[in-house]
Amino acid sequence: MDEQFRQYRFARTEGQKITEAELAAQFKYGIKDLHQLEHAIEQLLTKQAAPWRTTDLEQEGFREGIRAAALEFYWNNRQQVRRLILNHPPGPS
């Protein structure tokens, strides 16, 4: 296997696993509504890639892992998010 592709794939997997763990912990212990979930995902999507990833290819792989994990997390937990919305509707603005 091409060494560069292997590094990209490893960085992508690492970004995905770290992001999955962060979102799962936030959802379990702190996220109570859709706004908080969106904010948590936004923070992950805008954060810098891992500083230990030294090449542009590794950085891109890590960021791609973050994006994939955020989308997958939202998709897999959308029913729970809907229940949060129904159980805690937004108050008057």
PDB file of N, CA and C in Angstrom:
ATOM      1  N   MET A   1       0.847  -1.176   0.000  1.00  0.00           N
ATOM      2  CA  MET A   1       0.000   0.000   0.000  1.00  0.00           C
ATOM      3  C   MET A   1       0.894   1.241   0.000  1.00  0.00           C
ATOM      4  N   ASP A   2       0.489   2.224  -0.724  1.00  0.00           N
ATOM      5  CA  ASP A   2       1.238   3.468  -0.801  1.00  0.00           C
ATOM      6  C   ASP A   2       1.361   4.089   0.592  1.00  0.00           C
ATOM      7  N   GLU A   3       2.578   4.471   0.955  1.00  0.00           N
ATOM      8  CA  GLU A   3       2.845   5.010   2.295  1.00  0.00           C
ATOM      9  C   GLU A   3       2.040   6.279   2.587  1.00  0.00           C
ATOM     10  N   GLN A   4       1.924   7.166   1.623  1.00  0.00           N
ATOM     11  CA  GLN A   4       1.161   8.400   1.850  1.00  0.00           C
ATOM     12  C   GLN A   4      -0.312   8.094   2.104  1.00  0.00           C
ATOM     13  N   PHE A   5      -0.873   7.180   1.346  1.00  0.00           N
ATOM     14  CA  PHE A   5      -2.275   6.814   1.549  1.00  0.00           C
ATOM     15  C   PHE A   5      -2.465   6.181   2.916  1.00  0.00           C
ATOM     16  N   ARG A   6      -1.510   5.363   3.329  1.00  0.00           N
ATOM     17  CA  ARG A   6      -1.599   4.731   4.648  1.00  0.00           C
ATOM     18  C   ARG A   6      -1.577   5.785   5.749  1.00  0.00           C
ATOM     19  N   GLN A   7      -0.718   6.789   5.618  1.00  0.00           N
ATOM     20  CA  GLN A   7      -0.664   7.863   6.613  1.00  0.00           C
ATOM     21  C   GLN A   7      -1.979   8.650   6.639  1.00  0.00           C
ATOM     22  N   TYR A   8      -2.521   8.952   5.463  1.00  0.00           N
ATOM     23  CA  TYR A   8      -3.803   9.661   5.370  1.00  0.00           C
ATOM     24  C   TYR A   8      -4.899   8.848   6.058  1.00  0.00           C
ATOM     25  N   ARG A   9      -4.968   7.574   5.728  1.00  0.00           N
ATOM     26  CA  ARG A   9      -6.012   6.713   6.288  1.00  0.00           C
ATOM     27  C   ARG A   9      -5.895   6.597   7.811  1.00  0.00           C
ATOM     28  N   PHE A  10      -4.682   6.465   8.304  1.00  0.00           N
ATOM     29  CA  PHE A  10      -4.481   6.380   9.745  1.00  0.00           C
ATOM     30  C   PHE A  10      -4.901   7.681  10.430  1.00  0.00           C
ATOM     31  N   ALA A  11      -4.531   8.818   9.857  1.00  0.00           N
ATOM     32  CA  ALA A  11      -4.908  10.112  10.420  1.00  0.00           C
ATOM     33  C   ALA A  11      -6.423  10.296  10.390  1.00  0.00           C
ATOM     34  N   ARG A  12      -7.072   9.869   9.315  1.00  0.00           N
ATOM     35  CA  ARG A  12      -8.531   9.973   9.199  1.00  0.00           C
ATOM     36  C   ARG A  12      -9.214   9.130  10.273  1.00  0.00           C
ATOM     37  N   THR A  13      -8.731   7.916  10.441  1.00  0.00           N
ATOM     38  CA  THR A  13      -9.295   7.035  11.472  1.00  0.00           C
ATOM     39  C   THR A  13      -9.106   7.633  12.852  1.00  0.00           C
ATOM     40  N   GLU A  14      -7.926   8.182  13.095  1.00  0.00           N
ATOM     41  CA  GLU A  14      -7.647   8.809  14.382  1.00  0.00           C
ATOM     42  C   GLU A  14      -8.581   9.997  14.635  1.00  0.00           C
ATOM     43  N   GLY A  15      -8.747  10.860  13.646  1.00  0.00           N
ATOM     44  CA  GLY A  15      -9.655  11.996  13.783  1.00  0.00           C
ATOM     45  C   GLY A  15     -11.080  11.550  14.044  1.00  0.00           C
ATOM     46  N   GLN A  16     -11.492  10.505  13.377  1.00  0.00           N
ATOM     47  CA  GLN A  16     -12.854  10.002  13.550  1.00  0.00           C
ATOM     48  C   GLN A  16     -13.052   9.426  14.949  1.00  0.00           C
ATOM     49  N   LYS A  17     -12.119   8.639  15.419  1.00  0.00           N
ATOM     50  CA  LYS A  17     -12.253   8.021  16.750  1.00  0.00           C
ATOM     51  C   LYS A  17     -12.247   9.073  17.856  1.00  0.00           C
ATOM     52  N   ILE A  18     -11.360  10.040  17.759  1.00  0.00           N
ATOM     53  CA  ILE A  18     -11.285  11.093  18.780  1.00  0.00           C
ATOM     54  C   ILE A  18     -12.587  11.894  18.795  1.00  0.00           C
ATOM     55  N   THR A  19     -13.086  12.240  17.621  1.00  0.00           N
ATOM     56  CA  THR A  19     -14.318  13.027  17.527  1.00  0.00           C
ATOM     57  C   THR A  19     -15.511  12.243  18.033  1.00  0.00           C
ATOM     58  N   GLU A  20     -15.604  10.974  17.680  1.00  0.00           N
ATOM     59  CA  GLU A  20     -16.701  10.133  18.179  1.00  0.00           C
ATOM     60  C   GLU A  20     -16.707  10.115  19.704  1.00  0.00           C
ATOM     61  N   ALA A  21     -15.547   9.955  20.300  1.00  0.00           N
ATOM     62  CA  ALA A  21     -15.454   9.913  21.763  1.00  0.00           C
ATOM     63  C   ALA A  21     -15.847  11.253  22.385  1.00  0.00           C
ATOM     64  N   GLU A  22     -15.386  12.349  21.794  1.00  0.00           N
ATOM     65  CA  GLU A  22     -15.730  13.674  22.324  1.00  0.00           C
ATOM     66  C   GLU A  22     -17.237  13.923  22.253  1.00  0.00           C
ATOM     67  N   LEU A  23     -17.838  13.629  21.111  1.00  0.00           N
ATOM     68  CA  LEU A  23     -19.278  13.863  20.967  1.00  0.00           C
ATOM     69  C   LEU A  23     -20.091  12.952  21.869  1.00  0.00           C
ATOM     70  N   ALA A  24     -19.697  11.708  21.983  1.00  0.00           N
ATOM     71  CA  ALA A  24     -20.422  10.771  22.851  1.00  0.00           C
ATOM     72  C   ALA A  24     -20.391  11.250  24.301  1.00  0.00           C
ATOM     73  N   ALA A  25     -19.235  11.706  24.759  1.00  0.00           N
ATOM     74  CA  ALA A  25     -19.124  12.199  26.139  1.00  0.00           C
ATOM     75  C   ALA A  25     -19.958  13.468  26.335  1.00  0.00           C
ATOM     76  N   GLN A  26     -19.901  14.383  25.384  1.00  0.00           N
ATOM     77  CA  GLN A  26     -20.689  15.613  25.495  1.00  0.00           C
ATOM     78  C   GLN A  26     -22.182  15.309  25.464  1.00  0.00           C
ATOM     79  N   PHE A  27     -22.590  14.392  24.623  1.00  0.00           N
ATOM     80  CA  PHE A  27     -24.008  14.054  24.515  1.00  0.00           C
ATOM     81  C   PHE A  27     -24.498  13.376  25.779  1.00  0.00           C
ATOM     82  N   LYS A  28     -23.654  12.550  26.357  1.00  0.00           N
ATOM     83  CA  LYS A  28     -24.041  11.819  27.564  1.00  0.00           C
ATOM     84  C   LYS A  28     -24.108  12.733  28.789  1.00  0.00           C
ATOM     85  N   TYR A  29     -23.179  13.690  28.879  1.00  0.00           N
ATOM     86  CA  TYR A  29     -23.066  14.472  30.113  1.00  0.00           C
ATOM     87  C   TYR A  29     -23.452  15.934  30.024  1.00  0.00           C
ATOM     88  N   GLY A  30     -23.680  16.479  28.828  1.00  0.00           N
ATOM     89  CA  GLY A  30     -23.904  17.907  28.829  1.00  0.00           C
ATOM     90  C   GLY A  30     -24.886  18.440  27.807  1.00  0.00           C
ATOM     91  N   ILE A  31     -25.040  17.783  26.697  1.00  0.00           N
ATOM     92  CA  ILE A  31     -25.908  18.320  25.658  1.00  0.00           C
ATOM     93  C   ILE A  31     -27.356  18.034  26.007  1.00  0.00           C
ATOM     94  N   LYS A  32     -28.136  19.114  26.096  1.00  0.00           N
ATOM     95  CA  LYS A  32     -29.536  18.968  26.492  1.00  0.00           C
ATOM     96  C   LYS A  32     -30.508  19.453  25.427  1.00  0.00           C
ATOM     97  N   ASP A  33     -29.996  20.075  24.374  1.00  0.00           N
ATOM     98  CA  ASP A  33     -30.893  20.530  23.315  1.00  0.00           C
ATOM     99  C   ASP A  33     -30.145  20.576  21.985  1.00  0.00           C
ATOM    100  N   LEU A  34     -30.896  20.817  20.945  1.00  0.00           N
ATOM    101  CA  LEU A  34     -30.333  20.821  19.607  1.00  0.00           C
ATOM    102  C   LEU A  34     -29.278  21.901  19.434  1.00  0.00           C
ATOM    103  N   HIS A  35     -29.502  23.070  20.017  1.00  0.00           N
ATOM    104  CA  HIS A  35     -28.533  24.161  19.898  1.00  0.00           C
ATOM    105  C   HIS A  35     -27.174  23.742  20.469  1.00  0.00           C
ATOM    106  N   GLN A  36     -27.192  23.100  21.616  1.00  0.00           N
ATOM    107  CA  GLN A  36     -25.932  22.657  22.222  1.00  0.00           C
ATOM    108  C   GLN A  36     -25.244  21.607  21.350  1.00  0.00           C
ATOM    109  N   LEU A  37     -26.012  20.700  20.763  1.00  0.00           N
ATOM    110  CA  LEU A  37     -25.432  19.695  19.873  1.00  0.00           C
ATOM    111  C   LEU A  37     -24.810  20.359  18.653  1.00  0.00           C
ATOM    112  N   GLU A  38     -25.541  21.296  18.054  1.00  0.00           N
ATOM    113  CA  GLU A  38     -25.013  22.007  16.892  1.00  0.00           C
ATOM    114  C   GLU A  38     -23.741  22.769  17.252  1.00  0.00           C
ATOM    115  N   HIS A  39     -23.723  23.396  18.408  1.00  0.00           N
ATOM    116  CA  HIS A  39     -22.549  24.144  18.850  1.00  0.00           C
ATOM    117  C   HIS A  39     -21.358  23.201  19.057  1.00  0.00           C
ATOM    118  N   ALA A  40     -21.593  22.058  19.668  1.00  0.00           N
ATOM    119  CA  ALA A  40     -20.517  21.090  19.897  1.00  0.00           C
ATOM    120  C   ALA A  40     -19.934  20.614  18.567  1.00  0.00           C
ATOM    121  N   ILE A  41     -20.804  20.323  17.602  1.00  0.00           N
ATOM    122  CA  ILE A  41     -20.340  19.883  16.284  1.00  0.00           C
ATOM    123  C   ILE A  41     -19.600  21.017  15.583  1.00  0.00           C
ATOM    124  N   GLU A  42     -20.132  22.233  15.673  1.00  0.00           N
ATOM    125  CA  GLU A  42     -19.469  23.382  15.056  1.00  0.00           C
ATOM    126  C   GLU A  42     -18.064  23.571  15.623  1.00  0.00           C
ATOM    127  N   GLN A  43     -17.917  23.449  16.931  1.00  0.00           N
ATOM    128  CA  GLN A  43     -16.605  23.599  17.559  1.00  0.00           C
ATOM    129  C   GLN A  43     -15.624  22.546  17.046  1.00  0.00           C
ATOM    130  N   LEU A  44     -16.108  21.319  16.881  1.00  0.00           N
ATOM    131  CA  LEU A  44     -15.242  20.259  16.373  1.00  0.00           C
ATOM    132  C   LEU A  44     -14.846  20.504  14.919  1.00  0.00           C
ATOM    133  N   LEU A  45     -15.794  20.985  14.125  1.00  0.00           N
ATOM    134  CA  LEU A  45     -15.512  21.197  12.708  1.00  0.00           C
ATOM    135  C   LEU A  45     -14.563  22.366  12.469  1.00  0.00           C
ATOM    136  N   THR A  46     -14.513  23.307  13.388  1.00  0.00           N
ATOM    137  CA  THR A  46     -13.653  24.475  13.198  1.00  0.00           C
ATOM    138  C   THR A  46     -12.321  24.364  13.931  1.00  0.00           C
ATOM    139  N   LYS A  47     -12.143  23.327  14.719  1.00  0.00           N
ATOM    140  CA  LYS A  47     -10.878  23.228  15.450  1.00  0.00           C
ATOM    141  C   LYS A  47      -9.753  22.801  14.514  1.00  0.00           C
ATOM    142  N   GLN A  48      -8.566  23.140  14.925  1.00  0.00           N
ATOM    143  CA  GLN A  48      -7.382  22.790  14.151  1.00  0.00           C
ATOM    144  C   GLN A  48      -7.170  21.283  14.194  1.00  0.00           C
ATOM    145  N   ALA A  49      -6.573  20.775  13.151  1.00  0.00           N
ATOM    146  CA  ALA A  49      -6.226  19.362  13.137  1.00  0.00           C
ATOM    147  C   ALA A  49      -5.145  19.101  14.177  1.00  0.00           C
ATOM    148  N   ALA A  50      -4.881  17.857  14.406  1.00  0.00           N
ATOM    149  CA  ALA A  50      -3.921  17.455  15.430  1.00  0.00           C
ATOM    150  C   ALA A  50      -2.521  17.987  15.122  1.00  0.00           C
ATOM    151  N   PRO A  51      -1.889  18.656  16.075  1.00  0.00           N
ATOM    152  CA  PRO A  51      -0.558  19.215  15.822  1.00  0.00           C
ATOM    153  C   PRO A  51       0.508  18.134  15.583  1.00  0.00           C
ATOM    154  N   TRP A  52       0.257  16.930  16.031  1.00  0.00           N
ATOM    155  CA  TRP A  52       1.217  15.849  15.819  1.00  0.00           C
ATOM    156  C   TRP A  52       1.146  15.289  14.400  1.00  0.00           C
ATOM    157  N   ARG A  53       0.165  15.715  13.646  1.00  0.00           N
ATOM    158  CA  ARG A  53       0.073  15.350  12.225  1.00  0.00           C
ATOM    159  C   ARG A  53       0.860  16.397  11.450  1.00  0.00           C
ATOM    160  N   THR A  54       1.998  16.008  10.913  1.00  0.00           N
ATOM    161  CA  THR A  54       2.949  16.987  10.391  1.00  0.00           C
ATOM    162  C   THR A  54       2.800  17.301   8.910  1.00  0.00           C
ATOM    163  N   THR A  55       2.214  16.422   8.132  1.00  0.00           N
ATOM    164  CA  THR A  55       2.097  16.698   6.700  1.00  0.00           C
ATOM    165  C   THR A  55       0.706  17.227   6.369  1.00  0.00           C
ATOM    166  N   ASP A  56       0.608  17.926   5.257  1.00  0.00           N
ATOM    167  CA  ASP A  56      -0.694  18.430   4.808  1.00  0.00           C
ATOM    168  C   ASP A  56      -1.663  17.278   4.574  1.00  0.00           C
ATOM    169  N   LEU A  57      -1.167  16.176   4.039  1.00  0.00           N
ATOM    170  CA  LEU A  57      -2.012  15.020   3.772  1.00  0.00           C
ATOM    171  C   LEU A  57      -2.571  14.432   5.065  1.00  0.00           C
ATOM    172  N   GLU A  58      -1.742  14.337   6.093  1.00  0.00           N
ATOM    173  CA  GLU A  58      -2.215  13.843   7.387  1.00  0.00           C
ATOM    174  C   GLU A  58      -3.218  14.812   8.006  1.00  0.00           C
ATOM    175  N   GLN A  59      -2.945  16.109   7.903  1.00  0.00           N
ATOM    176  CA  GLN A  59      -3.876  17.113   8.434  1.00  0.00           C
ATOM    177  C   GLN A  59      -5.240  16.971   7.756  1.00  0.00           C
ATOM    178  N   GLU A  60      -5.232  16.825   6.435  1.00  0.00           N
ATOM    179  CA  GLU A  60      -6.491  16.681   5.704  1.00  0.00           C
ATOM    180  C   GLU A  60      -7.204  15.386   6.095  1.00  0.00           C
ATOM    181  N   GLY A  61      -6.462  14.318   6.273  1.00  0.00           N
ATOM    182  CA  GLY A  61      -7.067  13.070   6.707  1.00  0.00           C
ATOM    183  C   GLY A  61      -7.722  13.201   8.073  1.00  0.00           C
ATOM    184  N   PHE A  62      -7.044  13.875   8.995  1.00  0.00           N
ATOM    185  CA  PHE A  62      -7.586  14.084  10.335  1.00  0.00           C
ATOM    186  C   PHE A  62      -8.866  14.910  10.271  1.00  0.00           C
ATOM    187  N   ARG A  63      -8.854  16.002   9.493  1.00  0.00           N
ATOM    188  CA  ARG A  63     -10.049  16.847   9.356  1.00  0.00           C
ATOM    189  C   ARG A  63     -11.203  16.068   8.711  1.00  0.00           C
ATOM    190  N   GLU A  64     -10.885  15.239   7.732  1.00  0.00           N
ATOM    191  CA  GLU A  64     -11.923  14.421   7.101  1.00  0.00           C
ATOM    192  C   GLU A  64     -12.531  13.448   8.112  1.00  0.00           C
ATOM    193  N   GLY A  65     -11.715  12.910   8.989  1.00  0.00           N
ATOM    194  CA  GLY A  65     -12.222  12.034  10.047  1.00  0.00           C
ATOM    195  C   GLY A  65     -13.157  12.769  10.992  1.00  0.00           C
ATOM    196  N   ILE A  66     -12.828  14.018  11.313  1.00  0.00           N
ATOM    197  CA  ILE A  66     -13.701  14.839  12.169  1.00  0.00           C
ATOM    198  C   ILE A  66     -15.048  15.044  11.488  1.00  0.00           C
ATOM    199  N   ARG A  67     -15.019  15.432  10.219  1.00  0.00           N
ATOM    200  CA  ARG A  67     -16.270  15.671   9.488  1.00  0.00           C
ATOM    201  C   ARG A  67     -17.122  14.405   9.405  1.00  0.00           C
ATOM    202  N   ALA A  68     -16.487  13.298   9.102  1.00  0.00           N
ATOM    203  CA  ALA A  68     -17.221  12.036   8.977  1.00  0.00           C
ATOM    204  C   ALA A  68     -17.851  11.635  10.308  1.00  0.00           C
ATOM    205  N   ALA A  69     -17.108  11.786  11.390  1.00  0.00           N
ATOM    206  CA  ALA A  69     -17.618  11.411  12.705  1.00  0.00           C
ATOM    207  C   ALA A  69     -18.779  12.307  13.133  1.00  0.00           C
ATOM    208  N   ALA A  70     -18.670  13.606  12.860  1.00  0.00           N
ATOM    209  CA  ALA A  70     -19.743  14.538  13.236  1.00  0.00           C
ATOM    210  C   ALA A  70     -21.032  14.195  12.496  1.00  0.00           C
ATOM    211  N   LEU A  71     -20.924  13.954  11.206  1.00  0.00           N
ATOM    212  CA  LEU A  71     -22.105  13.596  10.419  1.00  0.00           C
ATOM    213  C   LEU A  71     -22.693  12.267  10.881  1.00  0.00           C
ATOM    214  N   GLU A  72     -21.848  11.284  11.067  1.00  0.00           N
ATOM    215  CA  GLU A  72     -22.325   9.975  11.503  1.00  0.00           C
ATOM    216  C   GLU A  72     -22.956  10.047  12.889  1.00  0.00           C
ATOM    217  N   PHE A  73     -22.350  10.818  13.793  1.00  0.00           N
ATOM    218  CA  PHE A  73     -22.898  10.949  15.139  1.00  0.00           C
ATOM    219  C   PHE A  73     -24.290  11.573  15.090  1.00  0.00           C
ATOM    220  N   TYR A  74     -24.413  12.656  14.346  1.00  0.00           N
ATOM    221  CA  TYR A  74     -25.721  13.297  14.243  1.00  0.00           C
ATOM    222  C   TYR A  74     -26.735  12.333  13.641  1.00  0.00           C
ATOM    223  N   TRP A  75     -26.375  11.668  12.575  1.00  0.00           N
ATOM    224  CA  TRP A  75     -27.300  10.766  11.903  1.00  0.00           C
ATOM    225  C   TRP A  75     -27.721   9.623  12.831  1.00  0.00           C
ATOM    226  N   ASN A  76     -26.773   9.052  13.548  1.00  0.00           N
ATOM    227  CA  ASN A  76     -27.077   7.928  14.437  1.00  0.00           C
ATOM    228  C   ASN A  76     -27.875   8.345  15.670  1.00  0.00           C
ATOM    229  N   ASN A  77     -27.805   9.616  16.048  1.00  0.00           N
ATOM    230  CA  ASN A  77     -28.475  10.073  17.276  1.00  0.00           C
ATOM    231  C   ASN A  77     -29.631  11.030  17.003  1.00  0.00           C
ATOM    232  N   ARG A  78     -30.075  11.114  15.767  1.00  0.00           N
ATOM    233  CA  ARG A  78     -31.102  12.094  15.421  1.00  0.00           C
ATOM    234  C   ARG A  78     -32.415  11.849  16.160  1.00  0.00           C
ATOM    235  N   GLN A  79     -32.760  10.595  16.440  1.00  0.00           N
ATOM    236  CA  GLN A  79     -33.988  10.332  17.179  1.00  0.00           C
ATOM    237  C   GLN A  79     -33.876  10.848  18.619  1.00  0.00           C
ATOM    238  N   GLN A  80     -32.734  10.662  19.238  1.00  0.00           N
ATOM    239  CA  GLN A  80     -32.530  11.187  20.583  1.00  0.00           C
ATOM    240  C   GLN A  80     -32.560  12.712  20.570  1.00  0.00           C
ATOM    241  N   VAL A  81     -32.020  13.313  19.539  1.00  0.00           N
ATOM    242  CA  VAL A  81     -32.039  14.770  19.413  1.00  0.00           C
ATOM    243  C   VAL A  81     -33.474  15.247  19.297  1.00  0.00           C
ATOM    244  N   ARG A  82     -34.259  14.575  18.503  1.00  0.00           N
ATOM    245  CA  ARG A  82     -35.676  14.956  18.375  1.00  0.00           C
ATOM    246  C   ARG A  82     -36.391  14.854  19.712  1.00  0.00           C
ATOM    247  N   ARG A  83     -36.102  13.800  20.476  1.00  0.00           N
ATOM    248  CA  ARG A  83     -36.720  13.667  21.805  1.00  0.00           C
ATOM    249  C   ARG A  83     -36.292  14.804  22.717  1.00  0.00           C
ATOM    250  N   LEU A  84     -35.029  15.206  22.633  1.00  0.00           N
ATOM    251  CA  LEU A  84     -34.561  16.347  23.423  1.00  0.00           C
ATOM    252  C   LEU A  84     -35.353  17.591  23.082  1.00  0.00           C
ATOM    253  N   ILE A  85     -35.588  17.793  21.797  1.00  0.00           N
ATOM    254  CA  ILE A  85     -36.334  18.973  21.347  1.00  0.00           C
ATOM    255  C   ILE A  85     -37.769  18.921  21.869  1.00  0.00           C
ATOM    256  N   LEU A  86     -38.398  17.761  21.762  1.00  0.00           N
ATOM    257  CA  LEU A  86     -39.785  17.624  22.212  1.00  0.00           C
ATOM    258  C   LEU A  86     -39.903  17.758  23.722  1.00  0.00           C
ATOM    259  N   ASN A  87     -38.925  17.242  24.452  1.00  0.00           N
ATOM    260  CA  ASN A  87     -38.958  17.286  25.923  1.00  0.00           C
ATOM    261  C   ASN A  87     -38.504  18.633  26.479  1.00  0.00           C
ATOM    262  N   HIS A  88     -37.711  19.353  25.713  1.00  0.00           N
ATOM    263  CA  HIS A  88     -37.193  20.653  26.162  1.00  0.00           C
ATOM    264  C   HIS A  88     -37.350  21.676  25.050  1.00  0.00           C
ATOM    265  N   PRO A  89     -38.570  22.060  24.744  1.00  0.00           N
ATOM    266  CA  PRO A  89     -38.739  23.047  23.654  1.00  0.00           C
ATOM    267  C   PRO A  89     -38.074  24.360  24.047  1.00  0.00           C
ATOM    268  N   PRO A  90     -37.605  25.086  23.047  1.00  0.00           N
ATOM    269  CA  PRO A  90     -36.968  26.376  23.344  1.00  0.00           C
ATOM    270  C   PRO A  90     -37.948  27.325  23.997  1.00  0.00           C
ATOM    271  N   GLY A  91     -37.444  28.103  24.930  1.00  0.00           N
ATOM    272  CA  GLY A  91     -38.285  29.087  25.609  1.00  0.00           C
ATOM    273  C   GLY A  91     -38.512  30.298  24.747  1.00  0.00           C
ATOM    274  N   PRO A  92     -39.338  31.226  25.230  1.00  0.00           N
ATOM    275  CA  PRO A  92     -39.583  32.453  24.468  1.00  0.00           C
ATOM    276  C   PRO A  92     -38.297  33.252  24.311  1.00  0.00           C
ATOM    277  N   SER A  93     -38.152  33.871  23.170  1.00  0.00           N
ATOM    278  CA  SER A  93     -36.928  34.652  22.894  1.00  0.00           C
ATOM    279  C   SER A  93     -37.097  36.067  23.338  1.00  0.00           C
TER     280      SER A  93
END
